[in-house]
């Protein structure tokens, strides 16, 4: 079932086009990623979905309703969201709960996001990860059907980022549909069922991360140093191999399918041992670069 449908969305600010004919649909219960570099139009797109901005043209429905009619279905955590420095964790949750007729139990929510021991801590004294966890709790206090999370892990250290990923997966397990805006390819690959890659306000590709990566011509790389000289022709004769590059003594073989086993078998048939062997998979960064000629970061 489609819980969000965006059709031919345009958003213009005077002579600047921020979103240019964007269309996508989000299935109920999935984590849908909106992925692209800074300035690509990601935030403007989801702010239109959340009813915070009015589209120049196009249609948006959330649960079959307009964004303004569907506000009770949405929980939103924006990248630029801030709270008063002196407000305490419990005060923020209690305040936001008062905005809803039937809010979640904010005490249980505070416990769930790991902030029970920070109940009386002021917002300014929270770490970056704790502030993000509070933002998530505030987005969930209205019992939303859909949670929009914008650049949730920007600025977090690696451990805090992974803790936040675990929290997102727990939220989805409870049946909440999540729209995740990010420019971190690792985050999108781990969490998202599908992603829309956005560049210069347009969707350039949309599918499951693994499916998009599979479209890259050189979806795998095997790097190694051969124990004896190797002719390029020998490696290129392997069906899975699409290319061979040399950097001094190191060889980089690119290809698809069961590339690593095929290459090592071909080398073994010539009594050659691959030393310092490294196997690398293509990423969404490679997909974006192949489609746009630009990097995500």
C-alpha atoms as a PDB file:
ATOM      1  CA  UNK A   1       0.000   0.000   0.000  1.00  0.00           C
ATOM      2  CA  UNK A   2       1.318   3.454  -0.925  1.00  0.00           C
ATOM      3  CA  UNK A   3       1.370   5.736   2.094  1.00  0.00           C
ATOM      4  CA  UNK A   4       3.071   8.674   0.307  1.00  0.00           C
ATOM      5  CA  UNK A   5       2.670   9.614  -3.339  1.00  0.00           C
ATOM      6  CA  UNK A   6       4.559  12.524  -4.899  1.00  0.00           C
ATOM      7  CA  UNK A   7       3.751  13.369  -8.511  1.00  0.00           C
ATOM      8  CA  UNK A   8       5.551  15.932 -10.704  1.00  0.00           C
ATOM      9  CA  UNK A   9       6.646  18.046  -7.752  1.00  0.00           C
ATOM     10  CA  UNK A  10       8.163  21.426  -8.614  1.00  0.00           C
ATOM     11  CA  UNK A  11       9.426  24.046  -6.159  1.00  0.00           C
ATOM     12  CA  UNK A  12      10.840  27.360  -7.328  1.00  0.00           C
ATOM     13  CA  UNK A  13      12.230  30.266  -5.331  1.00  0.00           C
ATOM     14  CA  UNK A  14      12.082  33.284  -7.652  1.00  0.00           C
ATOM     15  CA  UNK A  15      14.590  32.376 -10.384  1.00  0.00           C
ATOM     16  CA  UNK A  16      16.006  29.319  -8.578  1.00  0.00           C
ATOM     17  CA  UNK A  17      14.560  25.844  -9.179  1.00  0.00           C
ATOM     18  CA  UNK A  18      15.027  23.720  -6.043  1.00  0.00           C
ATOM     19  CA  UNK A  19      12.902  20.721  -7.059  1.00  0.00           C
ATOM     20  CA  UNK A  20      12.324  19.894 -10.717  1.00  0.00           C
ATOM     21  CA  UNK A  21       9.595  17.360 -11.573  1.00  0.00           C
ATOM     22  CA  UNK A  22      10.188  14.877  -8.740  1.00  0.00           C
ATOM     23  CA  UNK A  23       7.919  11.827  -8.508  1.00  0.00           C
ATOM     24  CA  UNK A  24       8.071   8.851  -6.148  1.00  0.00           C
ATOM     25  CA  UNK A  25       5.880   6.694  -3.928  1.00  0.00           C
ATOM     26  CA  UNK A  26       6.620   5.233  -0.514  1.00  0.00           C
ATOM     27  CA  UNK A  27       5.198   1.889   0.570  1.00  0.00           C
ATOM     28  CA  UNK A  28       3.771   1.499   4.022  1.00  0.00           C
ATOM     29  CA  UNK A  29       6.283  -0.004   6.456  1.00  0.00           C
ATOM     30  CA  UNK A  30       9.423   0.627   4.416  1.00  0.00           C
ATOM     31  CA  UNK A  31      12.444   2.822   4.994  1.00  0.00           C
ATOM     32  CA  UNK A  32      12.649   5.018   1.917  1.00  0.00           C
ATOM     33  CA  UNK A  33      15.869   6.953   1.423  1.00  0.00           C
ATOM     34  CA  UNK A  34      16.239  10.309  -0.278  1.00  0.00           C
ATOM     35  CA  UNK A  35      19.928  10.412  -1.147  1.00  0.00           C
ATOM     36  CA  UNK A  36      22.013  13.129  -2.736  1.00  0.00           C
ATOM     37  CA  UNK A  37      24.683  15.758  -2.131  1.00  0.00           C
ATOM     38  CA  UNK A  38      24.071  18.932  -0.165  1.00  0.00           C
ATOM     39  CA  UNK A  39      21.975  21.384  -2.157  1.00  0.00           C
ATOM     40  CA  UNK A  40      20.379  18.694  -4.340  1.00  0.00           C
ATOM     41  CA  UNK A  41      16.825  19.513  -3.213  1.00  0.00           C
ATOM     42  CA  UNK A  42      16.367  16.699  -0.675  1.00  0.00           C
ATOM     43  CA  UNK A  43      15.237  18.828   2.253  1.00  0.00           C
ATOM     44  CA  UNK A  44      12.934  20.988   0.137  1.00  0.00           C
ATOM     45  CA  UNK A  45      11.286  17.836  -1.197  1.00  0.00           C
ATOM     46  CA  UNK A  46      10.539  16.338   2.213  1.00  0.00           C
ATOM     47  CA  UNK A  47       9.477  19.711   3.641  1.00  0.00           C
ATOM     48  CA  UNK A  48       6.827  19.808   0.897  1.00  0.00           C
ATOM     49  CA  UNK A  49       5.773  16.272   1.875  1.00  0.00           C
ATOM     50  CA  UNK A  50       5.547  17.369   5.506  1.00  0.00           C
ATOM     51  CA  UNK A  51       3.397  20.370   4.594  1.00  0.00           C
ATOM     52  CA  UNK A  52       6.043  22.853   5.710  1.00  0.00           C
ATOM     53  CA  UNK A  53       6.462  24.294   2.210  1.00  0.00           C
ATOM     54  CA  UNK A  54       3.924  24.824  -0.550  1.00  0.00           C
ATOM     55  CA  UNK A  55       4.850  23.281  -3.906  1.00  0.00           C
ATOM     56  CA  UNK A  56       4.959  25.517  -6.946  1.00  0.00           C
ATOM     57  CA  UNK A  57       3.182  22.700  -8.783  1.00  0.00           C
ATOM     58  CA  UNK A  58       2.567  18.965  -8.542  1.00  0.00           C
ATOM     59  CA  UNK A  59       0.602  16.835  -6.113  1.00  0.00           C
ATOM     60  CA  UNK A  60       1.447  15.154  -2.806  1.00  0.00           C
ATOM     61  CA  UNK A  61      -0.711  12.785  -0.789  1.00  0.00           C
ATOM     62  CA  UNK A  62       0.005  11.204   2.592  1.00  0.00           C
ATOM     63  CA  UNK A  63      -2.401   8.430   3.473  1.00  0.00           C
ATOM     64  CA  UNK A  64      -4.612   9.638   0.649  1.00  0.00           C
ATOM     65  CA  UNK A  65      -4.790  13.194   2.026  1.00  0.00           C
ATOM     66  CA  UNK A  66      -2.978  16.444   1.396  1.00  0.00           C
ATOM     67  CA  UNK A  67       0.017  17.080   3.665  1.00  0.00           C
ATOM     68  CA  UNK A  68      -1.900  19.701   5.662  1.00  0.00           C
ATOM     69  CA  UNK A  69      -4.813  17.307   6.166  1.00  0.00           C
ATOM     70  CA  UNK A  70      -2.396  14.534   7.140  1.00  0.00           C
ATOM     71  CA  UNK A  71      -0.392  16.393   9.785  1.00  0.00           C
ATOM     72  CA  UNK A  72      -1.575  13.958  12.468  1.00  0.00           C
ATOM     73  CA  UNK A  73      -0.049  11.103  10.449  1.00  0.00           C
ATOM     74  CA  UNK A  74       3.405  12.694  10.278  1.00  0.00           C
ATOM     75  CA  UNK A  75       6.313  13.015  12.680  1.00  0.00           C
ATOM     76  CA  UNK A  76       9.154  15.220  11.478  1.00  0.00           C
ATOM     77  CA  UNK A  77      12.769  15.657  12.552  1.00  0.00           C
ATOM     78  CA  UNK A  78      14.379  18.433  10.540  1.00  0.00           C
ATOM     79  CA  UNK A  79      18.098  18.978  10.050  1.00  0.00           C
ATOM     80  CA  UNK A  80      17.861  22.567  11.292  1.00  0.00           C
ATOM     81  CA  UNK A  81      15.578  21.871  14.261  1.00  0.00           C
ATOM     82  CA  UNK A  82      16.679  23.473  17.523  1.00  0.00           C
ATOM     83  CA  UNK A  83      15.276  23.737  21.043  1.00  0.00           C
ATOM     84  CA  UNK A  84      15.777  26.416  23.702  1.00  0.00           C
ATOM     85  CA  UNK A  85      19.138  25.836  25.337  1.00  0.00           C
ATOM     86  CA  UNK A  86      17.755  25.680  28.880  1.00  0.00           C
ATOM     87  CA  UNK A  87      14.822  23.348  28.240  1.00  0.00           C
ATOM     88  CA  UNK A  88      15.191  19.983  29.943  1.00  0.00           C
ATOM     89  CA  UNK A  89      14.669  16.666  28.210  1.00  0.00           C
ATOM     90  CA  UNK A  90      11.455  15.881  30.101  1.00  0.00           C
ATOM     91  CA  UNK A  91      10.135  19.404  29.566  1.00  0.00           C
ATOM     92  CA  UNK A  92      10.609  19.176  25.798  1.00  0.00           C
ATOM     93  CA  UNK A  93       8.822  15.833  25.615  1.00  0.00           C
ATOM     94  CA  UNK A  94       6.005  17.001  27.892  1.00  0.00           C
ATOM     95  CA  UNK A  95       5.582  20.170  25.812  1.00  0.00           C
ATOM     96  CA  UNK A  96       5.421  18.338  22.491  1.00  0.00           C
ATOM     97  CA  UNK A  97       3.020  15.740  23.921  1.00  0.00           C
ATOM     98  CA  UNK A  98       0.650  18.585  24.805  1.00  0.00           C
ATOM     99  CA  UNK A  99       0.258  19.364  21.091  1.00  0.00           C
ATOM    100  CA  UNK A 100      -1.615  16.092  20.461  1.00  0.00           C
ATOM    101  CA  UNK A 101      -5.004  14.758  21.496  1.00  0.00           C
ATOM    102  CA  UNK A 102      -3.697  11.241  22.031  1.00  0.00           C
ATOM    103  CA  UNK A 103       0.074  11.394  22.451  1.00  0.00           C
ATOM    104  CA  UNK A 104       2.423   8.544  23.181  1.00  0.00           C
ATOM    105  CA  UNK A 105       3.607   8.057  26.748  1.00  0.00           C
ATOM    106  CA  UNK A 106       6.600  10.370  26.619  1.00  0.00           C
ATOM    107  CA  UNK A 107       8.138   8.761  29.693  1.00  0.00           C
ATOM    108  CA  UNK A 108       8.233   5.386  27.966  1.00  0.00           C
ATOM    109  CA  UNK A 109       9.498   7.064  24.801  1.00  0.00           C
ATOM    110  CA  UNK A 110      12.285   8.759  26.751  1.00  0.00           C
ATOM    111  CA  UNK A 111      13.295   5.381  28.133  1.00  0.00           C
ATOM    112  CA  UNK A 112      13.181   3.784  24.708  1.00  0.00           C
ATOM    113  CA  UNK A 113      15.544   6.276  23.075  1.00  0.00           C
ATOM    114  CA  UNK A 114      17.999   5.917  25.940  1.00  0.00           C
ATOM    115  CA  UNK A 115      17.505   9.312  27.585  1.00  0.00           C
ATOM    116  CA  UNK A 116      15.934   8.308  30.909  1.00  0.00           C
ATOM    117  CA  UNK A 117      19.147   9.125  32.750  1.00  0.00           C
ATOM    118  CA  UNK A 118      19.200  12.528  31.022  1.00  0.00           C
ATOM    119  CA  UNK A 119      15.657  13.429  32.082  1.00  0.00           C
ATOM    120  CA  UNK A 120      16.701  16.636  33.877  1.00  0.00           C
ATOM    121  CA  UNK A 121      19.574  17.557  31.542  1.00  0.00           C
ATOM    122  CA  UNK A 122      19.242  20.820  29.649  1.00  0.00           C
ATOM    123  CA  UNK A 123      19.289  20.663  25.851  1.00  0.00           C
ATOM    124  CA  UNK A 124      22.540  22.639  25.629  1.00  0.00           C
ATOM    125  CA  UNK A 125      24.319  20.036  27.783  1.00  0.00           C
ATOM    126  CA  UNK A 126      23.352  17.030  25.650  1.00  0.00           C
ATOM    127  CA  UNK A 127      25.879  15.429  23.302  1.00  0.00           C
ATOM    128  CA  UNK A 128      25.233  15.457  19.564  1.00  0.00           C
ATOM    129  CA  UNK A 129      23.937  11.898  19.625  1.00  0.00           C
ATOM    130  CA  UNK A 130      21.674  12.608  22.595  1.00  0.00           C
ATOM    131  CA  UNK A 131      20.207  15.657  20.852  1.00  0.00           C
ATOM    132  CA  UNK A 132      19.403  13.528  17.818  1.00  0.00           C
ATOM    133  CA  UNK A 133      17.778  10.882  19.998  1.00  0.00           C
ATOM    134  CA  UNK A 134      15.652  13.570  21.589  1.00  0.00           C
ATOM    135  CA  UNK A 135      14.698  14.832  18.123  1.00  0.00           C
ATOM    136  CA  UNK A 136      13.558  11.329  17.185  1.00  0.00           C
ATOM    137  CA  UNK A 137      11.527  11.027  20.384  1.00  0.00           C
ATOM    138  CA  UNK A 138       9.850  14.375  19.677  1.00  0.00           C
ATOM    139  CA  UNK A 139       9.012  13.208  16.142  1.00  0.00           C
ATOM    140  CA  UNK A 140       7.384  10.057  17.567  1.00  0.00           C
ATOM    141  CA  UNK A 141       5.456  11.535  20.477  1.00  0.00           C
ATOM    142  CA  UNK A 142       2.372  12.081  18.293  1.00  0.00           C
ATOM    143  CA  UNK A 143       2.190   8.373  17.332  1.00  0.00           C
ATOM    144  CA  UNK A 144       2.859   9.102  13.639  1.00  0.00           C
ATOM    145  CA  UNK A 145       2.219   6.683  10.810  1.00  0.00           C
ATOM    146  CA  UNK A 146       5.153   8.220   8.911  1.00  0.00           C
ATOM    147  CA  UNK A 147       8.385   9.650  10.339  1.00  0.00           C
ATOM    148  CA  UNK A 148      10.482  12.014   8.223  1.00  0.00           C
ATOM    149  CA  UNK A 149      14.097  12.096   9.424  1.00  0.00           C
ATOM    150  CA  UNK A 150      16.338  14.677   7.747  1.00  0.00           C
ATOM    151  CA  UNK A 151      20.133  14.208   7.958  1.00  0.00           C
ATOM    152  CA  UNK A 152      19.674  12.534  11.317  1.00  0.00           C
ATOM    153  CA  UNK A 153      23.290  11.447  11.825  1.00  0.00           C
ATOM    154  CA  UNK A 154      25.177  14.445  10.433  1.00  0.00           C
ATOM    155  CA  UNK A 155      27.927  15.466  12.848  1.00  0.00           C
ATOM    156  CA  UNK A 156      27.765  12.318  14.952  1.00  0.00           C
ATOM    157  CA  UNK A 157      30.763  10.157  15.777  1.00  0.00           C
ATOM    158  CA  UNK A 158      30.768   6.623  14.306  1.00  0.00           C
ATOM    159  CA  UNK A 159      29.421   4.924  17.451  1.00  0.00           C
ATOM    160  CA  UNK A 160      26.608   7.447  17.926  1.00  0.00           C
ATOM    161  CA  UNK A 161      25.736   7.070  14.260  1.00  0.00           C
ATOM    162  CA  UNK A 162      25.427   3.290  14.555  1.00  0.00           C
ATOM    163  CA  UNK A 163      23.373   3.615  17.739  1.00  0.00           C
ATOM    164  CA  UNK A 164      21.020   5.918  15.842  1.00  0.00           C
ATOM    165  CA  UNK A 165      20.785   3.394  12.987  1.00  0.00           C
ATOM    166  CA  UNK A 166      19.712   0.743  15.513  1.00  0.00           C
ATOM    167  CA  UNK A 167      17.027   3.107  16.797  1.00  0.00           C
ATOM    168  CA  UNK A 168      15.704   3.729  13.284  1.00  0.00           C
ATOM    169  CA  UNK A 169      15.421  -0.013  12.663  1.00  0.00           C
ATOM    170  CA  UNK A 170      13.529  -0.424  15.953  1.00  0.00           C
ATOM    171  CA  UNK A 171      11.073   2.309  14.928  1.00  0.00           C
ATOM    172  CA  UNK A 172      10.406   0.613  11.597  1.00  0.00           C
ATOM    173  CA  UNK A 173       9.885  -2.699  13.410  1.00  0.00           C
ATOM    174  CA  UNK A 174       6.999  -1.014  15.226  1.00  0.00           C
ATOM    175  CA  UNK A 175       5.272  -0.380  11.892  1.00  0.00           C
ATOM    176  CA  UNK A 176       6.268   3.244  11.321  1.00  0.00           C
ATOM    177  CA  UNK A 177       7.097   4.138   7.714  1.00  0.00           C
ATOM    178  CA  UNK A 178      10.317   6.147   7.543  1.00  0.00           C
ATOM    179  CA  UNK A 179      11.503   8.667   4.975  1.00  0.00           C
ATOM    180  CA  UNK A 180      15.225   9.069   5.587  1.00  0.00           C
ATOM    181  CA  UNK A 181      17.066  12.008   4.045  1.00  0.00           C
ATOM    182  CA  UNK A 182      20.814  11.492   3.955  1.00  0.00           C
ATOM    183  CA  UNK A 183      24.011  12.055   2.017  1.00  0.00           C
ATOM    184  CA  UNK A 184      25.773   9.116   3.718  1.00  0.00           C
ATOM    185  CA  UNK A 185      25.906   6.199   1.287  1.00  0.00           C
ATOM    186  CA  UNK A 186      26.719   3.660   4.021  1.00  0.00           C
ATOM    187  CA  UNK A 187      23.643   4.769   5.962  1.00  0.00           C
ATOM    188  CA  UNK A 188      21.387   4.392   2.932  1.00  0.00           C
ATOM    189  CA  UNK A 189      22.845   0.997   1.994  1.00  0.00           C
ATOM    190  CA  UNK A 190      22.362  -0.383   5.492  1.00  0.00           C
ATOM    191  CA  UNK A 191      18.923   1.004   6.326  1.00  0.00           C
ATOM    192  CA  UNK A 192      16.900   1.674   3.202  1.00  0.00           C
ATOM    193  CA  UNK A 193      14.628  -0.726   1.359  1.00  0.00           C
ATOM    194  CA  UNK A 194      14.652   1.680  -1.600  1.00  0.00           C
ATOM    195  CA  UNK A 195      16.353   4.969  -2.353  1.00  0.00           C
ATOM    196  CA  UNK A 196      15.728   7.874  -4.673  1.00  0.00           C
ATOM    197  CA  UNK A 197      18.984   9.435  -5.883  1.00  0.00           C
ATOM    198  CA  UNK A 198      18.486  13.184  -6.334  1.00  0.00           C
ATOM    199  CA  UNK A 199      20.780  15.517  -8.245  1.00  0.00           C
ATOM    200  CA  UNK A 200      20.079  19.172  -9.023  1.00  0.00           C
ATOM    201  CA  UNK A 201      16.461  18.821  -7.964  1.00  0.00           C
ATOM    202  CA  UNK A 202      15.689  15.756 -10.096  1.00  0.00           C
ATOM    203  CA  UNK A 203      15.404  12.032  -9.371  1.00  0.00           C
ATOM    204  CA  UNK A 204      18.124  10.345 -11.423  1.00  0.00           C
ATOM    205  CA  UNK A 205      17.473   6.786 -10.223  1.00  0.00           C
ATOM    206  CA  UNK A 206      15.231   4.919  -7.799  1.00  0.00           C
ATOM    207  CA  UNK A 207      15.396   1.297  -6.651  1.00  0.00           C
ATOM    208  CA  UNK A 208      16.725  -0.926  -3.888  1.00  0.00           C
ATOM    209  CA  UNK A 209      20.364  -0.072  -3.085  1.00  0.00           C
ATOM    210  CA  UNK A 210      21.551  -3.531  -4.164  1.00  0.00           C
ATOM    211  CA  UNK A 211      19.694  -3.246  -7.480  1.00  0.00           C
ATOM    212  CA  UNK A 212      21.192   0.166  -8.214  1.00  0.00           C
ATOM    213  CA  UNK A 213      24.688  -1.045  -7.351  1.00  0.00           C
ATOM    214  CA  UNK A 214      24.177  -4.075  -9.591  1.00  0.00           C
ATOM    215  CA  UNK A 215      23.682  -1.729 -12.548  1.00  0.00           C
ATOM    216  CA  UNK A 216      27.211  -0.359 -12.257  1.00  0.00           C
ATOM    217  CA  UNK A 217      29.344  -1.906 -15.000  1.00  0.00           C
ATOM    218  CA  UNK A 218      32.248  -2.453 -12.650  1.00  0.00           C
ATOM    219  CA  UNK A 219      30.320  -3.485  -9.533  1.00  0.00           C
ATOM    220  CA  UNK A 220      33.276  -5.319  -7.969  1.00  0.00           C
ATOM    221  CA  UNK A 221      37.009  -4.738  -7.691  1.00  0.00           C
ATOM    222  CA  UNK A 222      39.728  -7.192  -6.759  1.00  0.00           C
ATOM    223  CA  UNK A 223      43.124  -5.708  -5.880  1.00  0.00           C
ATOM    224  CA  UNK A 224      46.243  -7.826  -5.428  1.00  0.00           C
ATOM    225  CA  UNK A 225      49.952  -8.223  -6.105  1.00  0.00           C
ATOM    226  CA  UNK A 226      50.714 -11.320  -8.225  1.00  0.00           C
ATOM    227  CA  UNK A 227      53.529 -13.609  -7.175  1.00  0.00           C
ATOM    228  CA  UNK A 228      54.633 -13.780 -10.829  1.00  0.00           C
ATOM    229  CA  UNK A 229      54.051 -11.667 -13.967  1.00  0.00           C
ATOM    230  CA  UNK A 230      50.486 -11.757 -15.309  1.00  0.00           C
ATOM    231  CA  UNK A 231      49.347 -10.839 -18.790  1.00  0.00           C
ATOM    232  CA  UNK A 232      46.236  -8.667 -19.048  1.00  0.00           C
ATOM    233  CA  UNK A 233      44.903 -10.963 -21.761  1.00  0.00           C
ATOM    234  CA  UNK A 234      44.857 -13.913 -19.373  1.00  0.00           C
ATOM    235  CA  UNK A 235      42.681 -12.045 -16.892  1.00  0.00           C
ATOM    236  CA  UNK A 236      40.458 -10.487 -19.558  1.00  0.00           C
ATOM    237  CA  UNK A 237      39.706 -13.985 -20.834  1.00  0.00           C
ATOM    238  CA  UNK A 238      37.836 -14.660 -17.582  1.00  0.00           C
ATOM    239  CA  UNK A 239      34.105 -14.096 -18.347  1.00  0.00           C
ATOM    240  CA  UNK A 240      33.477 -12.143 -15.118  1.00  0.00           C
ATOM    241  CA  UNK A 241      36.306  -9.646 -15.788  1.00  0.00           C
ATOM    242  CA  UNK A 242      35.560  -6.320 -17.511  1.00  0.00           C
ATOM    243  CA  UNK A 243      38.839  -4.519 -16.990  1.00  0.00           C
ATOM    244  CA  UNK A 244      42.398  -4.643 -15.687  1.00  0.00           C
ATOM    245  CA  UNK A 245      44.383  -1.688 -14.332  1.00  0.00           C
ATOM    246  CA  UNK A 246      47.970  -1.576 -13.101  1.00  0.00           C
ATOM    247  CA  UNK A 247      49.562   0.615 -10.471  1.00  0.00           C
ATOM    248  CA  UNK A 248      53.159  -0.475 -10.147  1.00  0.00           C
ATOM    249  CA  UNK A 249      53.104  -4.072  -8.969  1.00  0.00           C
ATOM    250  CA  UNK A 250      49.457  -3.878  -7.898  1.00  0.00           C
ATOM    251  CA  UNK A 251      46.671  -5.044 -10.220  1.00  0.00           C
ATOM    252  CA  UNK A 252      43.040  -3.966  -9.980  1.00  0.00           C
ATOM    253  CA  UNK A 253      40.616  -6.286 -11.745  1.00  0.00           C
ATOM    254  CA  UNK A 254      37.053  -5.046 -12.200  1.00  0.00           C
ATOM    255  CA  UNK A 255      34.000  -7.040 -13.107  1.00  0.00           C
ATOM    256  CA  UNK A 256      30.740  -8.601 -11.987  1.00  0.00           C
ATOM    257  CA  UNK A 257      29.289 -11.835 -10.662  1.00  0.00           C
ATOM    258  CA  UNK A 258      31.614 -14.210  -8.788  1.00  0.00           C
ATOM    259  CA  UNK A 259      34.613 -12.112  -9.689  1.00  0.00           C
ATOM    260  CA  UNK A 260      36.999 -12.946  -6.840  1.00  0.00           C
ATOM    261  CA  UNK A 261      36.706 -16.766  -7.079  1.00  0.00           C
ATOM    262  CA  UNK A 262      36.962 -16.610 -10.870  1.00  0.00           C
ATOM    263  CA  UNK A 263      40.119 -14.497 -10.762  1.00  0.00           C
ATOM    264  CA  UNK A 264      41.834 -16.553  -8.054  1.00  0.00           C
ATOM    265  CA  UNK A 265      41.023 -19.779  -9.945  1.00  0.00           C
ATOM    266  CA  UNK A 266      42.473 -18.388 -13.170  1.00  0.00           C
ATOM    267  CA  UNK A 267      45.637 -17.333 -11.332  1.00  0.00           C
ATOM    268  CA  UNK A 268      45.933 -20.733  -9.623  1.00  0.00           C
ATOM    269  CA  UNK A 269      45.816 -22.472 -13.006  1.00  0.00           C
ATOM    270  CA  UNK A 270      49.033 -20.560 -13.831  1.00  0.00           C
ATOM    271  CA  UNK A 271      50.593 -21.216 -10.395  1.00  0.00           C
ATOM    272  CA  UNK A 272      50.264 -17.524  -9.464  1.00  0.00           C
ATOM    273  CA  UNK A 273      49.370 -16.480  -5.913  1.00  0.00           C
ATOM    274  CA  UNK A 274      47.505 -13.173  -5.335  1.00  0.00           C
ATOM    275  CA  UNK A 275      49.092 -11.482  -2.312  1.00  0.00           C
ATOM    276  CA  UNK A 276      47.623  -8.526  -0.375  1.00  0.00           C
ATOM    277  CA  UNK A 277      44.256  -9.512  -1.840  1.00  0.00           C
ATOM    278  CA  UNK A 278      41.410  -7.049  -1.288  1.00  0.00           C
ATOM    279  CA  UNK A 279      37.832  -7.398  -2.511  1.00  0.00           C
ATOM    280  CA  UNK A 280      35.780  -4.228  -2.879  1.00  0.00           C
ATOM    281  CA  UNK A 281      32.110  -3.854  -3.796  1.00  0.00           C
ATOM    282  CA  UNK A 282      30.687  -0.891  -5.676  1.00  0.00           C
ATOM    283  CA  UNK A 283      28.683   1.557  -3.561  1.00  0.00           C
ATOM    284  CA  UNK A 284      25.886   4.041  -4.085  1.00  0.00           C
ATOM    285  CA  UNK A 285      28.662   6.611  -4.465  1.00  0.00           C
ATOM    286  CA  UNK A 286      29.789   4.744  -7.590  1.00  0.00           C
ATOM    287  CA  UNK A 287      26.204   4.628  -8.885  1.00  0.00           C
ATOM    288  CA  UNK A 288      25.728   8.349  -8.367  1.00  0.00           C
ATOM    289  CA  UNK A 289      29.073   9.126 -10.006  1.00  0.00           C
ATOM    290  CA  UNK A 290      28.209   6.927 -13.005  1.00  0.00           C
ATOM    291  CA  UNK A 291      24.818   8.622 -13.436  1.00  0.00           C
ATOM    292  CA  UNK A 292      25.758  12.246 -12.820  1.00  0.00           C
ATOM    293  CA  UNK A 293      29.529  12.557 -13.082  1.00  0.00           C
ATOM    294  CA  UNK A 294      29.457  13.996  -9.539  1.00  0.00           C
ATOM    295  CA  UNK A 295      30.283  12.613  -6.121  1.00  0.00           C
ATOM    296  CA  UNK A 296      27.728  12.422  -3.337  1.00  0.00           C
ATOM    297  CA  UNK A 297      29.951  14.090  -0.773  1.00  0.00           C
END
